[in-house]
């Protein structure tokens, strides 16, 4: 693990070798830290089967990115609520027979014709 380009060794925790069940194995290596705004983190994996190390970069989202994400999630949830409410009202009206024309059972609303 690297933090801002400097290798981290103190707060690195790893598991024992674990079998995946398909004749492959894995080791989970974690960096225990509290991310600070502006810090960048890099996970680097080296293995004899790789020609070059594999790296994955990560940095804390900015407030603007987090705000956009929360706005999107909020809009999605609100949309689901309105969809559920609409379906509920539609099904309730359909079950109660609210689709009849006129008031008292006749199509035109007038009394019975002799």
PDB file of N, CA and C in Angstrom:
ATOM      1  N   UNK A   1       0.838  -1.183   0.000  1.00  0.00           N
ATOM      2  CA  UNK A   1       0.000   0.000   0.000  1.00  0.00           C
ATOM      3  C   UNK A   1       0.876   1.236   0.000  1.00  0.00           C
ATOM      4  N   UNK A   2       0.419   2.263  -0.744  1.00  0.00           N
ATOM      5  CA  UNK A   2       1.097   3.547  -0.773  1.00  0.00           C
ATOM      6  C   UNK A   2       0.090   4.639  -0.434  1.00  0.00           C
ATOM      7  N   UNK A   3       0.522   5.590   0.369  1.00  0.00           N
ATOM      8  CA  UNK A   3      -0.295   6.757   0.693  1.00  0.00           C
ATOM      9  C   UNK A   3       0.484   7.974   0.230  1.00  0.00           C
ATOM     10  N   UNK A   4      -0.104   8.723  -0.709  1.00  0.00           N
ATOM     11  CA  UNK A   4       0.547   9.908  -1.286  1.00  0.00           C
ATOM     12  C   UNK A   4       1.937   9.569  -1.809  1.00  0.00           C
ATOM     13  N   UNK A   5       2.080   8.393  -2.411  1.00  0.00           N
ATOM     14  CA  UNK A   5       3.346   7.989  -3.009  1.00  0.00           C
ATOM     15  C   UNK A   5       4.340   7.362  -2.053  1.00  0.00           C
ATOM     16  N   UNK A   6       4.069   7.379  -0.763  1.00  0.00           N
ATOM     17  CA  UNK A   6       4.973   6.801   0.237  1.00  0.00           C
ATOM     18  C   UNK A   6       4.430   5.440   0.681  1.00  0.00           C
ATOM     19  N   UNK A   7       5.307   4.441   0.716  1.00  0.00           N
ATOM     20  CA  UNK A   7       4.873   3.101   1.110  1.00  0.00           C
ATOM     21  C   UNK A   7       4.440   3.080   2.572  1.00  0.00           C
ATOM     22  N   UNK A   8       3.288   2.470   2.819  1.00  0.00           N
ATOM     23  CA  UNK A   8       2.751   2.312   4.175  1.00  0.00           C
ATOM     24  C   UNK A   8       3.067   0.900   4.651  1.00  0.00           C
ATOM     25  N   UNK A   9       3.657   0.777   5.822  1.00  0.00           N
ATOM     26  CA  UNK A   9       3.962  -0.552   6.357  1.00  0.00           C
ATOM     27  C   UNK A   9       3.378  -0.759   7.747  1.00  0.00           C
ATOM     28  N   UNK A  10       3.126   0.309   8.477  1.00  0.00           N
ATOM     29  CA  UNK A  10       2.699   0.187   9.872  1.00  0.00           C
ATOM     30  C   UNK A  10       1.273  -0.327  10.031  1.00  0.00           C
ATOM     31  N   UNK A  11       0.336   0.192   9.257  1.00  0.00           N
ATOM     32  CA  UNK A  11      -1.077  -0.149   9.455  1.00  0.00           C
ATOM     33  C   UNK A  11      -1.587  -1.143   8.415  1.00  0.00           C
ATOM     34  N   UNK A  12      -0.700  -1.966   7.882  1.00  0.00           N
ATOM     35  CA  UNK A  12      -1.078  -2.963   6.886  1.00  0.00           C
ATOM     36  C   UNK A  12      -1.371  -4.280   7.589  1.00  0.00           C
ATOM     37  N   UNK A  13      -2.533  -4.851   7.278  1.00  0.00           N
ATOM     38  CA  UNK A  13      -2.972  -6.108   7.874  1.00  0.00           C
ATOM     39  C   UNK A  13      -3.239  -7.089   6.740  1.00  0.00           C
ATOM     40  N   UNK A  14      -2.815  -8.337   6.902  1.00  0.00           N
ATOM     41  CA  UNK A  14      -3.073  -9.329   5.854  1.00  0.00           C
ATOM     42  C   UNK A  14      -3.577 -10.629   6.473  1.00  0.00           C
ATOM     43  N   UNK A  15      -4.316 -11.370   5.661  1.00  0.00           N
ATOM     44  CA  UNK A  15      -4.840 -12.663   6.087  1.00  0.00           C
ATOM     45  C   UNK A  15      -3.834 -13.751   5.735  1.00  0.00           C
ATOM     46  N   UNK A  16      -4.102 -14.955   6.219  1.00  0.00           N
ATOM     47  CA  UNK A  16      -3.336 -16.116   5.779  1.00  0.00           C
ATOM     48  C   UNK A  16      -3.747 -16.442   4.348  1.00  0.00           C
ATOM     49  N   UNK A  17      -3.019 -17.347   3.718  1.00  0.00           N
ATOM     50  CA  UNK A  17      -3.373 -17.790   2.372  1.00  0.00           C
ATOM     51  C   UNK A  17      -4.695 -18.545   2.458  1.00  0.00           C
ATOM     52  N   UNK A  18      -5.642 -18.164   1.570  1.00  0.00           N
ATOM     53  CA  UNK A  18      -6.971 -18.782   1.567  1.00  0.00           C
ATOM     54  C   UNK A  18      -7.208 -19.475   0.233  1.00  0.00           C
ATOM     55  N   UNK A  19      -7.804 -20.677   0.276  1.00  0.00           N
ATOM     56  CA  UNK A  19      -8.157 -21.393  -0.946  1.00  0.00           C
ATOM     57  C   UNK A  19      -9.441 -20.814  -1.525  1.00  0.00           C
ATOM     58  N   UNK A  20      -9.482 -20.695  -2.856  1.00  0.00           N
ATOM     59  CA  UNK A  20     -10.699 -20.253  -3.529  1.00  0.00           C
ATOM     60  C   UNK A  20     -11.599 -21.424  -3.896  1.00  0.00           C
ATOM     61  N   UNK A  21     -11.067 -22.660  -3.856  1.00  0.00           N
ATOM     62  CA  UNK A  21     -11.865 -23.829  -4.205  1.00  0.00           C
ATOM     63  C   UNK A  21     -11.717 -24.248  -5.651  1.00  0.00           C
ATOM     64  N   UNK A  22     -10.978 -23.489  -6.440  1.00  0.00           N
ATOM     65  CA  UNK A  22     -10.778 -23.829  -7.853  1.00  0.00           C
ATOM     66  C   UNK A  22      -9.283 -23.955  -8.169  1.00  0.00           C
ATOM     67  N   UNK A  23      -8.522 -24.395  -7.208  1.00  0.00           N
ATOM     68  CA  UNK A  23      -7.068 -24.574  -7.303  1.00  0.00           C
ATOM     69  C   UNK A  23      -6.325 -23.252  -7.363  1.00  0.00           C
ATOM     70  N   UNK A  24      -6.982 -22.174  -6.992  1.00  0.00           N
ATOM     71  CA  UNK A  24      -6.305 -20.882  -6.871  1.00  0.00           C
ATOM     72  C   UNK A  24      -6.385 -20.434  -5.417  1.00  0.00           C
ATOM     73  N   UNK A  25      -5.552 -19.477  -5.079  1.00  0.00           N
ATOM     74  CA  UNK A  25      -5.454 -19.012  -3.698  1.00  0.00           C
ATOM     75  C   UNK A  25      -5.452 -17.494  -3.673  1.00  0.00           C
ATOM     76  N   UNK A  26      -5.715 -16.936  -2.512  1.00  0.00           N
ATOM     77  CA  UNK A  26      -5.680 -15.485  -2.376  1.00  0.00           C
ATOM     78  C   UNK A  26      -5.213 -15.098  -0.982  1.00  0.00           C
ATOM     79  N   UNK A  27      -4.677 -13.896  -0.912  1.00  0.00           N
ATOM     80  CA  UNK A  27      -4.301 -13.274   0.352  1.00  0.00           C
ATOM     81  C   UNK A  27      -4.940 -11.894   0.341  1.00  0.00           C
ATOM     82  N   UNK A  28      -5.639 -11.556   1.386  1.00  0.00           N
ATOM     83  CA  UNK A  28      -6.279 -10.249   1.495  1.00  0.00           C
ATOM     84  C   UNK A  28      -5.370  -9.337   2.314  1.00  0.00           C
ATOM     85  N   UNK A  29      -4.969  -8.216   1.724  1.00  0.00           N
ATOM     86  CA  UNK A  29      -4.088  -7.254   2.394  1.00  0.00           C
ATOM     87  C   UNK A  29      -4.832  -5.929   2.478  1.00  0.00           C
ATOM     88  N   UNK A  30      -4.978  -5.403   3.701  1.00  0.00           N
ATOM     89  CA  UNK A  30      -5.762  -4.183   3.922  1.00  0.00           C
ATOM     90  C   UNK A  30      -4.917  -3.120   4.599  1.00  0.00           C
ATOM     91  N   UNK A  31      -5.243  -1.886   4.310  1.00  0.00           N
ATOM     92  CA  UNK A  31      -4.616  -0.741   4.972  1.00  0.00           C
ATOM     93  C   UNK A  31      -5.647  -0.151   5.922  1.00  0.00           C
ATOM     94  N   UNK A  32      -5.350  -0.175   7.208  1.00  0.00           N
ATOM     95  CA  UNK A  32      -6.263   0.396   8.199  1.00  0.00           C
ATOM     96  C   UNK A  32      -5.902   1.863   8.389  1.00  0.00           C
ATOM     97  N   UNK A  33      -6.770   2.736   7.900  1.00  0.00           N
ATOM     98  CA  UNK A  33      -6.505   4.168   7.973  1.00  0.00           C
ATOM     99  C   UNK A  33      -7.813   4.934   7.896  1.00  0.00           C
ATOM    100  N   UNK A  34      -7.774   6.175   8.289  1.00  0.00           N
ATOM    101  CA  UNK A  34      -8.901   7.078   8.110  1.00  0.00           C
ATOM    102  C   UNK A  34      -8.536   8.025   6.975  1.00  0.00           C
ATOM    103  N   UNK A  35      -9.204   7.887   5.826  1.00  0.00           N
ATOM    104  CA  UNK A  35      -8.851   8.726   4.679  1.00  0.00           C
ATOM    105  C   UNK A  35      -9.068  10.209   4.973  1.00  0.00           C
ATOM    106  N   UNK A  36      -8.149  11.011   4.528  1.00  0.00           N
ATOM    107  CA  UNK A  36      -8.239  12.462   4.655  1.00  0.00           C
ATOM    108  C   UNK A  36      -8.382  13.060   3.262  1.00  0.00           C
ATOM    109  N   UNK A  37      -9.110  14.162   3.176  1.00  0.00           N
ATOM    110  CA  UNK A  37      -9.302  14.839   1.900  1.00  0.00           C
ATOM    111  C   UNK A  37      -7.938  15.213   1.325  1.00  0.00           C
ATOM    112  N   UNK A  38      -7.736  14.891   0.049  1.00  0.00           N
ATOM    113  CA  UNK A  38      -6.487  15.212  -0.630  1.00  0.00           C
ATOM    114  C   UNK A  38      -5.493  14.070  -0.651  1.00  0.00           C
ATOM    115  N   UNK A  39      -5.668  13.068   0.223  1.00  0.00           N
ATOM    116  CA  UNK A  39      -4.767  11.918   0.224  1.00  0.00           C
ATOM    117  C   UNK A  39      -5.120  10.982  -0.928  1.00  0.00           C
ATOM    118  N   UNK A  40      -4.100  10.372  -1.513  1.00  0.00           N
ATOM    119  CA  UNK A  40      -4.310   9.354  -2.541  1.00  0.00           C
ATOM    120  C   UNK A  40      -3.714   8.047  -2.042  1.00  0.00           C
ATOM    121  N   UNK A  41      -4.371   6.963  -2.372  1.00  0.00           N
ATOM    122  CA  UNK A  41      -3.946   5.638  -1.936  1.00  0.00           C
ATOM    123  C   UNK A  41      -3.759   4.759  -3.159  1.00  0.00           C
ATOM    124  N   UNK A  42      -2.742   3.907  -3.106  1.00  0.00           N
ATOM    125  CA  UNK A  42      -2.457   2.999  -4.203  1.00  0.00           C
ATOM    126  C   UNK A  42      -2.194   1.611  -3.643  1.00  0.00           C
ATOM    127  N   UNK A  43      -2.917   0.646  -4.185  1.00  0.00           N
ATOM    128  CA  UNK A  43      -2.666  -0.757  -3.866  1.00  0.00           C
ATOM    129  C   UNK A  43      -1.836  -1.314  -5.017  1.00  0.00           C
ATOM    130  N   UNK A  44      -0.721  -1.924  -4.700  1.00  0.00           N
ATOM    131  CA  UNK A  44       0.162  -2.472  -5.730  1.00  0.00           C
ATOM    132  C   UNK A  44       0.363  -3.957  -5.470  1.00  0.00           C
ATOM    133  N   UNK A  45       0.094  -4.767  -6.497  1.00  0.00           N
ATOM    134  CA  UNK A  45       0.230  -6.220  -6.386  1.00  0.00           C
ATOM    135  C   UNK A  45       1.353  -6.672  -7.306  1.00  0.00           C
ATOM    136  N   UNK A  46       2.297  -7.383  -6.717  1.00  0.00           N
ATOM    137  CA  UNK A  46       3.396  -7.972  -7.484  1.00  0.00           C
ATOM    138  C   UNK A  46       3.295  -9.487  -7.364  1.00  0.00           C
ATOM    139  N   UNK A  47       3.484 -10.174  -8.492  1.00  0.00           N
ATOM    140  CA  UNK A  47       3.419 -11.636  -8.494  1.00  0.00           C
ATOM    141  C   UNK A  47       4.346 -12.148  -9.583  1.00  0.00           C
ATOM    142  N   UNK A  48       4.873 -13.335  -9.368  1.00  0.00           N
ATOM    143  CA  UNK A  48       5.816 -13.914 -10.322  1.00  0.00           C
ATOM    144  C   UNK A  48       5.167 -14.112 -11.699  1.00  0.00           C
ATOM    145  N   UNK A  49       3.845 -14.300 -11.743  1.00  0.00           N
ATOM    146  CA  UNK A  49       3.158 -14.519 -13.015  1.00  0.00           C
ATOM    147  C   UNK A  49       2.874 -13.215 -13.765  1.00  0.00           C
ATOM    148  N   UNK A  50       3.118 -12.081 -13.139  1.00  0.00           N
ATOM    149  CA  UNK A  50       2.857 -10.784 -13.770  1.00  0.00           C
ATOM    150  C   UNK A  50       4.152 -10.191 -14.311  1.00  0.00           C
ATOM    151  N   UNK A  51       4.087  -9.634 -15.517  1.00  0.00           N
ATOM    152  CA  UNK A  51       5.262  -8.964 -16.073  1.00  0.00           C
ATOM    153  C   UNK A  51       5.510  -7.641 -15.367  1.00  0.00           C
ATOM    154  N   UNK A  52       4.431  -6.946 -15.015  1.00  0.00           N
ATOM    155  CA  UNK A  52       4.519  -5.655 -14.336  1.00  0.00           C
ATOM    156  C   UNK A  52       3.560  -5.670 -13.147  1.00  0.00           C
ATOM    157  N   UNK A  53       3.866  -4.916 -12.108  1.00  0.00           N
ATOM    158  CA  UNK A  53       2.938  -4.842 -10.969  1.00  0.00           C
ATOM    159  C   UNK A  53       1.584  -4.272 -11.404  1.00  0.00           C
ATOM    160  N   UNK A  54       0.525  -4.762 -10.789  1.00  0.00           N
ATOM    161  CA  UNK A  54      -0.822  -4.242 -11.022  1.00  0.00           C
ATOM    162  C   UNK A  54      -1.098  -3.222  -9.922  1.00  0.00           C
ATOM    163  N   UNK A  55      -1.550  -2.027 -10.317  1.00  0.00           N
ATOM    164  CA  UNK A  55      -1.828  -0.986  -9.328  1.00  0.00           C
ATOM    165  C   UNK A  55      -3.265  -0.516  -9.459  1.00  0.00           C
ATOM    166  N   UNK A  56      -3.824  -0.144  -8.331  1.00  0.00           N
ATOM    167  CA  UNK A  56      -5.172   0.427  -8.284  1.00  0.00           C
ATOM    168  C   UNK A  56      -5.117   1.677  -7.423  1.00  0.00           C
ATOM    169  N   UNK A  57      -5.502   2.814  -8.004  1.00  0.00           N
ATOM    170  CA  UNK A  57      -5.461   4.089  -7.286  1.00  0.00           C
ATOM    171  C   UNK A  57      -6.836   4.394  -6.703  1.00  0.00           C
ATOM    172  N   UNK A  58      -6.849   5.070  -5.563  1.00  0.00           N
ATOM    173  CA  UNK A  58      -8.094   5.466  -4.907  1.00  0.00           C
ATOM    174  C   UNK A  58      -7.861   6.774  -4.181  1.00  0.00           C
ATOM    175  N   UNK A  59      -8.857   7.645  -4.234  1.00  0.00           N
ATOM    176  CA  UNK A  59      -8.801   8.864  -3.432  1.00  0.00           C
ATOM    177  C   UNK A  59     -10.201   9.203  -2.949  1.00  0.00           C
ATOM    178  N   UNK A  60     -10.261   9.913  -1.837  1.00  0.00           N
ATOM    179  CA  UNK A  60     -11.522  10.299  -1.234  1.00  0.00           C
ATOM    180  C   UNK A  60     -12.292  11.189  -2.203  1.00  0.00           C
ATOM    181  N   UNK A  61     -13.586  10.913  -2.352  1.00  0.00           N
ATOM    182  CA  UNK A  61     -14.406  11.728  -3.246  1.00  0.00           C
ATOM    183  C   UNK A  61     -14.489  13.152  -2.727  1.00  0.00           C
ATOM    184  N   UNK A  62     -14.542  14.078  -3.665  1.00  0.00           N
ATOM    185  CA  UNK A  62     -14.727  15.475  -3.277  1.00  0.00           C
ATOM    186  C   UNK A  62     -16.169  15.683  -2.826  1.00  0.00           C
ATOM    187  N   UNK A  63     -16.417  16.797  -2.163  1.00  0.00           N
ATOM    188  CA  UNK A  63     -17.778  17.102  -1.715  1.00  0.00           C
ATOM    189  C   UNK A  63     -18.728  17.234  -2.893  1.00  0.00           C
ATOM    190  N   UNK A  64     -18.244  17.789  -4.016  1.00  0.00           N
ATOM    191  CA  UNK A  64     -19.100  17.956  -5.190  1.00  0.00           C
ATOM    192  C   UNK A  64     -19.508  16.594  -5.748  1.00  0.00           C
ATOM    193  N   UNK A  65     -18.561  15.666  -5.842  1.00  0.00           N
ATOM    194  CA  UNK A  65     -18.880  14.332  -6.357  1.00  0.00           C
ATOM    195  C   UNK A  65     -19.841  13.615  -5.417  1.00  0.00           C
ATOM    196  N   UNK A  66     -19.617  13.738  -4.128  1.00  0.00           N
ATOM    197  CA  UNK A  66     -20.503  13.100  -3.149  1.00  0.00           C
ATOM    198  C   UNK A  66     -21.897  13.716  -3.234  1.00  0.00           C
ATOM    199  N   UNK A  67     -21.968  15.035  -3.405  1.00  0.00           N
ATOM    200  CA  UNK A  67     -23.251  15.717  -3.506  1.00  0.00           C
ATOM    201  C   UNK A  67     -24.017  15.245  -4.741  1.00  0.00           C
ATOM    202  N   UNK A  68     -23.322  15.098  -5.865  1.00  0.00           N
ATOM    203  CA  UNK A  68     -23.971  14.611  -7.085  1.00  0.00           C
ATOM    204  C   UNK A  68     -24.491  13.193  -6.892  1.00  0.00           C
ATOM    205  N   UNK A  69     -23.694  12.358  -6.244  1.00  0.00           N
ATOM    206  CA  UNK A  69     -24.110  10.982  -6.016  1.00  0.00           C
ATOM    207  C   UNK A  69     -25.338  10.942  -5.110  1.00  0.00           C
ATOM    208  N   UNK A  70     -25.330  11.713  -4.028  1.00  0.00           N
ATOM    209  CA  UNK A  70     -26.470  11.729  -3.112  1.00  0.00           C
ATOM    210  C   UNK A  70     -27.716  12.283  -3.784  1.00  0.00           C
ATOM    211  N   UNK A  71     -27.553  13.275  -4.655  1.00  0.00           N
ATOM    212  CA  UNK A  71     -28.688  13.815  -5.400  1.00  0.00           C
ATOM    213  C   UNK A  71     -29.279  12.746  -6.308  1.00  0.00           C
ATOM    214  N   UNK A  72     -28.429  12.004  -6.991  1.00  0.00           N
ATOM    215  CA  UNK A  72     -28.902  10.933  -7.863  1.00  0.00           C
ATOM    216  C   UNK A  72     -29.618   9.840  -7.094  1.00  0.00           C
ATOM    217  N   UNK A  73     -29.046   9.432  -5.986  1.00  0.00           N
ATOM    218  CA  UNK A  73     -29.668   8.387  -5.164  1.00  0.00           C
ATOM    219  C   UNK A  73     -30.996   8.884  -4.601  1.00  0.00           C
ATOM    220  N   UNK A  74     -31.029  10.126  -4.134  1.00  0.00           N
ATOM    221  CA  UNK A  74     -32.270  10.697  -3.607  1.00  0.00           C
ATOM    222  C   UNK A  74     -33.355  10.768  -4.666  1.00  0.00           C
ATOM    223  N   UNK A  75     -32.994  11.181  -5.880  1.00  0.00           N
ATOM    224  CA  UNK A  75     -33.959  11.232  -6.973  1.00  0.00           C
ATOM    225  C   UNK A  75     -34.493   9.857  -7.327  1.00  0.00           C
ATOM    226  N   UNK A  76     -33.602   8.878  -7.319  1.00  0.00           N
ATOM    227  CA  UNK A  76     -34.016   7.507  -7.609  1.00  0.00           C
ATOM    228  C   UNK A  76     -34.998   6.996  -6.558  1.00  0.00           C
ATOM    229  N   UNK A  77     -34.688   7.220  -5.293  1.00  0.00           N
ATOM    230  CA  UNK A  77     -35.568   6.774  -4.202  1.00  0.00           C
ATOM    231  C   UNK A  77     -36.915   7.482  -4.283  1.00  0.00           C
ATOM    232  N   UNK A  78     -36.901   8.786  -4.539  1.00  0.00           N
ATOM    233  CA  UNK A  78     -38.148   9.538  -4.672  1.00  0.00           C
ATOM    234  C   UNK A  78     -38.974   9.002  -5.840  1.00  0.00           C
ATOM    235  N   UNK A  79     -38.321   8.685  -6.947  1.00  0.00           N
ATOM    236  CA  UNK A  79     -39.018   8.099  -8.088  1.00  0.00           C
ATOM    237  C   UNK A  79     -39.659   6.766  -7.741  1.00  0.00           C
ATOM    238  N   UNK A  80     -38.936   5.936  -6.985  1.00  0.00           N
ATOM    239  CA  UNK A  80     -39.503   4.653  -6.562  1.00  0.00           C
ATOM    240  C   UNK A  80     -40.717   4.845  -5.662  1.00  0.00           C
ATOM    241  N   UNK A  81     -40.660   5.842  -4.781  1.00  0.00           N
ATOM    242  CA  UNK A  81     -41.795   6.116  -3.892  1.00  0.00           C
ATOM    243  C   UNK A  81     -43.019   6.515  -4.705  1.00  0.00           C
ATOM    244  N   UNK A  82     -42.844   7.421  -5.680  1.00  0.00           N
ATOM    245  CA  UNK A  82     -43.973   7.840  -6.510  1.00  0.00           C
ATOM    246  C   UNK A  82     -44.494   6.683  -7.361  1.00  0.00           C
ATOM    247  N   UNK A  83     -43.605   5.840  -7.856  1.00  0.00           N
ATOM    248  CA  UNK A  83     -44.034   4.678  -8.630  1.00  0.00           C
ATOM    249  C   UNK A  83     -44.868   3.739  -7.759  1.00  0.00           C
ATOM    250  N   UNK A  84     -44.397   3.462  -6.552  1.00  0.00           N
ATOM    251  CA  UNK A  84     -45.129   2.580  -5.641  1.00  0.00           C
ATOM    252  C   UNK A  84     -46.480   3.184  -5.278  1.00  0.00           C
ATOM    253  N   UNK A  85     -46.521   4.489  -5.014  1.00  0.00           N
ATOM    254  CA  UNK A  85     -47.776   5.159  -4.680  1.00  0.00           C
ATOM    255  C   UNK A  85     -48.749   5.092  -5.853  1.00  0.00           C
ATOM    256  N   UNK A  86     -48.257   5.339  -7.052  1.00  0.00           N
ATOM    257  CA  UNK A  86     -49.108   5.263  -8.237  1.00  0.00           C
ATOM    258  C   UNK A  86     -49.663   3.869  -8.456  1.00  0.00           C
ATOM    259  N   UNK A  87     -48.816   2.856  -8.313  1.00  0.00           N
ATOM    260  CA  UNK A  87     -49.289   1.481  -8.464  1.00  0.00           C
ATOM    261  C   UNK A  87     -50.306   1.123  -7.388  1.00  0.00           C
ATOM    262  N   UNK A  88     -50.063   1.576  -6.157  1.00  0.00           N
ATOM    263  CA  UNK A  88     -51.000   1.310  -5.062  1.00  0.00           C
ATOM    264  C   UNK A  88     -52.363   1.921  -5.367  1.00  0.00           C
ATOM    265  N   UNK A  89     -52.385   3.191  -5.781  1.00  0.00           N
ATOM    266  CA  UNK A  89     -53.660   3.853  -6.080  1.00  0.00           C
ATOM    267  C   UNK A  89     -54.356   3.199  -7.264  1.00  0.00           C
ATOM    268  N   UNK A  90     -53.606   2.815  -8.281  1.00  0.00           N
ATOM    269  CA  UNK A  90     -54.178   2.159  -9.450  1.00  0.00           C
ATOM    270  C   UNK A  90     -54.813   0.823  -9.065  1.00  0.00           C
ATOM    271  N   UNK A  91     -54.078   0.027  -8.285  1.00  0.00           N
ATOM    272  CA  UNK A  91     -54.600  -1.285  -7.893  1.00  0.00           C
ATOM    273  C   UNK A  91     -55.807  -1.143  -6.969  1.00  0.00           C
ATOM    274  N   UNK A  92     -55.788  -0.164  -6.068  1.00  0.00           N
ATOM    275  CA  UNK A  92     -56.916   0.046  -5.162  1.00  0.00           C
ATOM    276  C   UNK A  92     -58.161   0.438  -5.951  1.00  0.00           C
ATOM    277  N   UNK A  93     -58.000   1.297  -6.938  1.00  0.00           N
ATOM    278  CA  UNK A  93     -59.134   1.723  -7.754  1.00  0.00           C
ATOM    279  C   UNK A  93     -59.653   0.558  -8.591  1.00  0.00           C
ATOM    280  N   UNK A  94     -58.741  -0.256  -9.098  1.00  0.00           N
ATOM    281  CA  UNK A  94     -59.133  -1.389  -9.924  1.00  0.00           C
ATOM    282  C   UNK A  94     -59.896  -2.426  -9.098  1.00  0.00           C
ATOM    283  N   UNK A  95     -59.441  -2.702  -7.881  1.00  0.00           N
ATOM    284  CA  UNK A  95     -60.089  -3.694  -7.016  1.00  0.00           C
ATOM    285  C   UNK A  95     -61.451  -3.203  -6.542  1.00  0.00           C
ATOM    286  N   UNK A  96     -61.582  -1.910  -6.234  1.00  0.00           N
ATOM    287  CA  UNK A  96     -62.854  -1.389  -5.726  1.00  0.00           C
ATOM    288  C   UNK A  96     -63.853  -1.123  -6.840  1.00  0.00           C
ATOM    289  N   UNK A  97     -63.488  -1.331  -8.083  1.00  0.00           N
ATOM    290  CA  UNK A  97     -64.410  -1.121  -9.197  1.00  0.00           C
ATOM    291  C   UNK A  97     -64.628   0.338  -9.499  1.00  0.00           C
ATOM    292  N   UNK A  98     -63.666   1.150  -9.287  1.00  0.00           N
ATOM    293  CA  UNK A  98     -63.802   2.585  -9.490  1.00  0.00           C
ATOM    294  C   UNK A  98     -63.822   2.995 -10.942  1.00  0.00           C
ATOM    295  N   UNK A  99     -63.814   2.047 -11.864  1.00  0.00           N
ATOM    296  CA  UNK A  99     -63.767   2.397 -13.270  1.00  0.00           C
ATOM    297  C   UNK A  99     -65.123   2.495 -13.932  1.00  0.00           C
ATOM    298  N   UNK A 100     -66.255   2.402 -13.194  1.00  0.00           N
ATOM    299  CA  UNK A 100     -67.592   2.469 -13.787  1.00  0.00           C
ATOM    300  C   UNK A 100     -67.935   3.877 -14.228  1.00  0.00           C
ATOM    301  N   UNK A 101     -68.738   3.962 -15.271  1.00  0.00           N
ATOM    302  CA  UNK A 101     -69.214   5.261 -15.742  1.00  0.00           C
ATOM    303  C   UNK A 101     -70.489   5.631 -15.009  1.00  0.00           C
ATOM    304  N   UNK A 102     -70.754   6.911 -14.839  1.00  0.00           N
ATOM    305  CA  UNK A 102     -71.982   7.361 -14.200  1.00  0.00           C
ATOM    306  C   UNK A 102     -71.978   7.068 -12.719  1.00  0.00           C
ATOM    307  N   UNK A 103     -73.097   7.354 -12.070  1.00  0.00           N
ATOM    308  CA  UNK A 103     -73.132   7.208 -10.628  1.00  0.00           C
ATOM    309  C   UNK A 103     -73.761   5.919 -10.170  1.00  0.00           C
ATOM    310  N   UNK A 104     -75.029   5.701 -10.413  1.00  0.00           N
ATOM    311  CA  UNK A 104     -75.755   4.637  -9.739  1.00  0.00           C
ATOM    312  C   UNK A 104     -75.893   3.353 -10.509  1.00  0.00           C
ATOM    313  N   UNK A 105     -74.993   2.970 -11.285  1.00  0.00           N
ATOM    314  CA  UNK A 105     -75.049   1.680 -11.936  1.00  0.00           C
ATOM    315  C   UNK A 105     -75.561   1.745 -13.361  1.00  0.00           C
ATOM    316  N   UNK A 106     -76.173   2.842 -13.790  1.00  0.00           N
ATOM    317  CA  UNK A 106     -76.588   2.934 -15.183  1.00  0.00           C
ATOM    318  C   UNK A 106     -75.533   3.702 -15.956  1.00  0.00           C
ATOM    319  N   UNK A 107     -75.461   3.458 -17.220  1.00  0.00           N
ATOM    320  CA  UNK A 107     -74.416   4.080 -18.022  1.00  0.00           C
ATOM    321  C   UNK A 107     -74.615   5.579 -18.176  1.00  0.00           C
ATOM    322  N   UNK A 108     -75.848   6.035 -18.258  1.00  0.00           N
ATOM    323  CA  UNK A 108     -76.077   7.454 -18.491  1.00  0.00           C
ATOM    324  C   UNK A 108     -76.375   8.216 -17.219  1.00  0.00           C
ATOM    325  N   UNK A 109     -76.563   7.555 -16.145  1.00  0.00           N
ATOM    326  CA  UNK A 109     -76.842   8.234 -14.891  1.00  0.00           C
ATOM    327  C   UNK A 109     -78.321   8.549 -14.721  1.00  0.00           C
ATOM    328  N   UNK A 110     -79.159   8.228 -15.703  1.00  0.00           N
ATOM    329  CA  UNK A 110     -80.598   8.491 -15.597  1.00  0.00           C
ATOM    330  C   UNK A 110     -81.272   7.297 -14.940  1.00  0.00           C
ATOM    331  N   UNK A 111     -82.526   7.469 -14.571  1.00  0.00           N
ATOM    332  CA  UNK A 111     -83.278   6.388 -13.947  1.00  0.00           C
ATOM    333  C   UNK A 111     -83.557   5.267 -14.934  1.00  0.00           C
ATOM    334  N   UNK A 112     -84.218   4.224 -14.454  1.00  0.00           N
ATOM    335  CA  UNK A 112     -84.530   3.074 -15.302  1.00  0.00           C
ATOM    336  C   UNK A 112     -85.568   3.469 -16.334  1.00  0.00           C
ATOM    337  N   UNK A 113     -85.452   2.965 -17.533  1.00  0.00           N
ATOM    338  CA  UNK A 113     -86.391   3.238 -18.619  1.00  0.00           C
ATOM    339  C   UNK A 113     -87.433   2.121 -18.629  1.00  0.00           C
ATOM    340  N   UNK A 114     -88.785   2.473 -18.644  1.00  0.00           N
ATOM    341  CA  UNK A 114     -89.827   1.422 -18.609  1.00  0.00           C
ATOM    342  C   UNK A 114     -89.938   0.651 -19.882  1.00  0.00           C
TER     343      UNK A 114
END
